[in-house]
Amino acid sequence: MVESGAAKVVAHAVAPLPYAYNALEPFIDEQTMHVHRDKHHEAYCANLNAALEKHPELKTKTVEELLSNLQTVPEDIRAAVRNNGGGYLHHSLFWTFMWPKGGGAPRGRIAEVIESLGGFDAFKTKFNDAGARHFGSGWVWLVRNLTGKYEIITTANQDSPVSLGVFPVFCNDVWEHAYYLKYQNRRAEYLQAWWNVVNWDEINRRLGTAGK
């Protein structure tokens, strides 16, 4: 989205959370939500906008367009767009994949997808294991790949599935800032707890846009 300001055009902005900062307690604590959204996400957004100031013609492009065509982004800002554009997009998605009254068994189209991958219990185990085993910072995703199949992948740092040409269905953040205040080094415990806030309704809505 392009917003007109008094001094300059700002290409991207962080949307308000769709719920209160403490709404995901006790699984995701309020302090983590403040630091995660107000510090990390805002910083990615600000750094992305700063990079685009050097090439204002790119401000009209969505972050998905930028990330899916990184080779066309000028070299002097390509790394900044890759890192900060990824961080901005991933967090924008991530907040919507959680909900205070979330969790429980999947329903709708996502339930069919998960069943095709071996059922919910097996899927959770595989998804959590991928996130726990991922070395360093990054994300664990369910994506629809280039052949139309659904699979679990991880990406390092803020590298985006969008840059790989695949469609991200939903994700969990395995950067330490996503869980360390509450779970310390217990990433596996955080990954397991996260299913109590997963927003199946939003994930089903997003599935409806796959391939469009």
Protein backbone atom coordinates (compact mmCIF):
# COMPACT_ATOMS: atom_id res chain seq x y z
CA MET A 1 0.00 0.00 0.00
CA VAL A 2 1.22 3.50 -0.81
CA GLU A 3 0.33 6.20 1.67
CA SER A 4 0.74 9.89 1.02
CA GLY A 5 2.49 11.88 3.71
CA ALA A 6 3.32 15.55 4.08
CA ALA A 7 7.00 15.03 3.35
CA LYS A 8 7.29 11.79 1.44
CA VAL A 9 5.53 8.65 0.30
CA VAL A 10 5.80 5.69 2.68
CA ALA A 11 5.54 2.41 0.80
CA HIS A 12 4.77 0.04 3.67
CA ALA A 13 3.35 0.20 7.19
CA VAL A 14 2.80 -2.27 10.02
CA ALA A 15 -0.89 -2.92 10.57
CA PRO A 16 -2.30 -2.97 14.09
CA LEU A 17 -2.55 -6.37 15.72
CA PRO A 18 -6.00 -7.91 15.16
CA TYR A 19 -6.20 -8.68 18.90
CA ALA A 20 -4.84 -7.33 22.19
CA TYR A 21 -1.17 -7.84 23.04
CA ASN A 22 -2.11 -10.11 25.94
CA ALA A 23 -4.81 -12.02 24.06
CA LEU A 24 -2.63 -15.05 23.30
CA GLU A 25 -1.69 -15.64 26.94
CA PRO A 26 -0.63 -18.00 28.40
CA PHE A 27 0.86 -19.50 25.23
CA ILE A 28 2.42 -16.32 23.81
CA ASP A 29 3.13 -13.74 26.50
CA GLU A 30 2.29 -10.04 26.30
CA GLN A 31 5.87 -8.82 26.69
CA THR A 32 7.04 -10.97 23.78
CA MET A 33 4.21 -9.63 21.61
CA HIS A 34 5.21 -6.02 22.37
CA VAL A 35 8.89 -6.62 21.61
CA HIS A 36 8.18 -8.79 18.60
CA ARG A 37 5.64 -6.56 16.90
CA ASP A 38 6.68 -3.07 18.10
CA LYS A 39 10.44 -3.52 17.85
CA HIS A 40 11.33 -6.28 15.38
CA HIS A 41 8.45 -5.99 12.91
CA GLU A 42 8.53 -2.19 12.93
CA ALA A 43 12.29 -2.25 12.34
CA TYR A 44 11.96 -4.51 9.31
CA CYS A 45 9.31 -2.18 7.91
CA ALA A 46 11.37 0.96 8.53
CA ASN A 47 14.49 -0.58 6.99
CA LEU A 48 12.55 -1.73 3.94
CA ASN A 49 11.11 1.74 3.43
CA ALA A 50 14.57 3.29 3.85
CA ALA A 51 15.98 1.01 1.16
CA LEU A 52 13.16 1.90 -1.23
CA GLU A 53 13.90 5.61 -0.78
CA LYS A 54 16.93 5.01 -3.02
CA HIS A 55 14.68 3.71 -5.81
CA PRO A 56 11.28 5.43 -5.40
CA GLU A 57 9.86 3.75 -8.50
CA LEU A 58 9.72 0.51 -6.47
CA LYS A 59 7.37 1.99 -3.87
CA THR A 60 4.32 1.10 -5.93
CA LYS A 61 5.18 -2.61 -5.85
CA THR A 62 3.85 -4.93 -3.18
CA VAL A 63 6.37 -6.67 -0.98
CA GLU A 64 5.35 -9.96 -2.62
CA GLU A 65 6.20 -8.51 -6.03
CA LEU A 66 9.59 -7.38 -4.77
CA LEU A 67 10.44 -10.72 -3.17
CA SER A 68 9.23 -12.83 -6.06
CA ASN A 69 11.43 -10.87 -8.48
CA LEU A 70 14.52 -10.17 -6.41
CA GLN A 71 16.76 -10.42 -9.45
CA THR A 72 15.09 -7.28 -10.84
CA VAL A 73 15.65 -5.27 -7.64
CA PRO A 74 18.68 -2.98 -8.00
CA GLU A 75 21.78 -4.64 -6.60
CA ASP A 76 22.55 -1.83 -4.16
CA ILE A 77 19.34 -2.52 -2.21
CA ARG A 78 18.70 -6.18 -3.09
CA ALA A 79 20.05 -7.60 0.18
CA ALA A 80 18.11 -5.04 2.21
CA VAL A 81 14.88 -5.87 0.37
CA ARG A 82 15.51 -9.59 0.73
CA ASN A 83 16.12 -9.39 4.47
CA ASN A 84 13.79 -6.59 5.53
CA GLY A 85 11.10 -7.28 2.96
CA GLY A 86 11.04 -10.87 4.11
CA GLY A 87 10.87 -9.85 7.76
CA TYR A 88 8.10 -7.37 7.04
CA LEU A 89 5.99 -9.83 5.03
CA HIS A 90 6.53 -12.85 7.25
CA HIS A 91 5.48 -11.04 10.40
CA SER A 92 2.49 -9.45 8.65
CA LEU A 93 1.31 -12.97 7.85
CA PHE A 94 2.32 -14.48 11.17
CA TRP A 95 0.07 -12.27 13.32
CA THR A 96 -2.95 -13.31 11.28
CA PHE A 97 -2.19 -17.02 11.72
CA MET A 98 -2.89 -16.70 15.46
CA TRP A 99 -6.12 -15.95 17.29
CA PRO A 100 -7.16 -15.81 20.96
CA LYS A 101 -9.88 -18.42 20.41
CA GLY A 102 -7.80 -20.47 18.03
CA GLY A 103 -6.40 -23.95 18.23
CA GLY A 104 -8.18 -27.25 18.21
CA ALA A 105 -8.47 -29.62 15.29
CA PRO A 106 -8.21 -28.17 11.77
CA ARG A 107 -11.43 -27.73 9.85
CA GLY A 108 -12.43 -26.89 6.32
CA ARG A 109 -10.04 -27.08 3.39
CA ILE A 110 -6.90 -27.05 5.57
CA ALA A 111 -8.17 -30.17 7.34
CA GLU A 112 -8.31 -31.93 3.96
CA VAL A 113 -4.77 -30.80 3.11
CA ILE A 114 -3.42 -31.96 6.46
CA GLU A 115 -5.24 -35.28 6.18
CA SER A 116 -3.59 -35.84 2.79
CA LEU A 117 -0.24 -35.39 4.52
CA GLY A 118 -0.88 -38.13 7.07
CA GLY A 119 -3.35 -36.62 9.52
CA PHE A 120 -3.15 -33.87 12.12
CA ASP A 121 -1.09 -35.66 14.77
CA ALA A 122 1.53 -36.75 12.26
CA PHE A 123 1.52 -33.32 10.63
CA LYS A 124 2.07 -31.50 13.93
CA THR A 125 4.94 -33.82 14.80
CA LYS A 126 6.60 -33.27 11.42
CA PHE A 127 6.01 -29.50 11.46
CA ASN A 128 7.30 -29.11 15.02
CA ASP A 129 10.29 -31.33 14.32
CA ALA A 130 11.22 -29.27 11.26
CA GLY A 131 11.04 -26.09 13.33
CA ALA A 132 12.95 -27.54 16.27
CA ARG A 133 15.71 -28.96 14.09
CA HIS A 134 16.13 -25.81 11.99
CA PHE A 135 19.61 -24.47 12.73
CA GLY A 136 19.71 -20.85 13.82
CA SER A 137 17.04 -18.29 13.00
CA GLY A 138 14.27 -18.76 10.49
CA TRP A 139 10.76 -19.98 9.84
CA VAL A 140 8.88 -23.25 9.38
CA TRP A 141 6.18 -23.27 6.71
CA LEU A 142 3.44 -25.24 5.08
CA VAL A 143 3.65 -24.29 1.40
CA ARG A 144 2.09 -25.27 -1.89
CA ASN A 145 5.03 -26.03 -4.13
CA LEU A 146 5.56 -25.51 -7.84
CA THR A 147 3.89 -28.84 -8.68
CA GLY A 148 0.78 -27.99 -6.66
CA LYS A 149 1.69 -30.32 -3.80
CA TYR A 150 1.71 -29.28 -0.15
CA GLU A 151 4.87 -29.71 1.89
CA ILE A 152 6.63 -28.53 5.04
CA ILE A 153 9.80 -26.50 4.53
CA THR A 154 12.02 -24.20 6.56
CA THR A 155 13.74 -21.02 5.46
CA ALA A 156 16.77 -19.36 7.01
CA ASN A 157 16.71 -15.89 8.54
CA GLN A 158 14.16 -13.84 6.54
CA ASP A 159 14.52 -15.69 3.25
CA SER A 160 11.03 -15.98 1.84
CA PRO A 161 9.14 -18.87 0.23
CA VAL A 162 7.79 -16.22 -2.12
CA SER A 163 11.30 -15.86 -3.56
CA LEU A 164 11.29 -19.61 -4.28
CA GLY A 165 8.07 -19.30 -6.24
CA VAL A 166 6.01 -21.31 -3.76
CA PHE A 167 2.83 -20.24 -1.98
CA PRO A 168 3.11 -19.89 1.81
CA VAL A 169 -0.02 -21.29 3.46
CA PHE A 170 1.00 -20.68 7.09
CA CYS A 171 4.12 -20.47 9.22
CA ASN A 172 5.65 -20.35 12.66
CA ASP A 173 8.52 -18.08 13.65
CA VAL A 174 11.56 -19.84 15.09
CA TRP A 175 13.72 -16.77 15.63
CA GLU A 176 14.65 -16.60 19.32
CA HIS A 177 12.88 -13.26 19.74
CA ALA A 178 9.59 -15.09 19.06
CA TYR A 179 9.80 -17.22 22.18
CA TYR A 180 12.88 -16.62 24.34
CA LEU A 181 11.36 -14.37 27.01
CA LYS A 182 8.90 -17.09 27.98
CA TYR A 183 10.46 -20.36 26.81
CA GLN A 184 14.19 -19.53 26.88
CA ASN A 185 15.99 -22.28 24.94
CA ARG A 186 12.94 -24.58 24.89
CA ARG A 187 12.02 -24.04 21.25
CA ALA A 188 10.24 -27.39 21.02
CA GLU A 189 7.95 -26.43 23.92
CA TYR A 190 7.08 -23.15 22.20
CA LEU A 191 6.34 -24.95 18.93
CA GLN A 192 3.98 -27.33 20.71
CA ALA A 193 2.21 -24.53 22.60
CA TRP A 194 1.69 -22.52 19.43
CA TRP A 195 -1.02 -24.89 18.17
CA ASN A 196 -3.29 -23.58 20.93
CA VAL A 197 -3.56 -20.23 19.14
CA VAL A 198 -3.48 -21.26 15.46
CA ASN A 199 -6.14 -19.47 13.39
CA TRP A 200 -7.67 -22.08 11.10
CA ASP A 201 -10.24 -19.63 9.73
CA GLU A 202 -7.55 -17.30 8.40
CA ILE A 203 -5.53 -20.21 7.04
CA ASN A 204 -8.60 -21.46 5.17
CA ARG A 205 -9.20 -17.97 3.80
CA ARG A 206 -5.60 -17.85 2.62
CA LEU A 207 -5.87 -21.30 1.03
CA GLY A 208 -8.70 -19.93 -1.06
CA THR A 209 -6.26 -17.48 -2.66
CA ALA A 210 -3.62 -20.09 -3.52
CA GLY A 211 -2.76 -20.07 -7.18
CA LYS A 212 -4.48 -16.73 -7.82
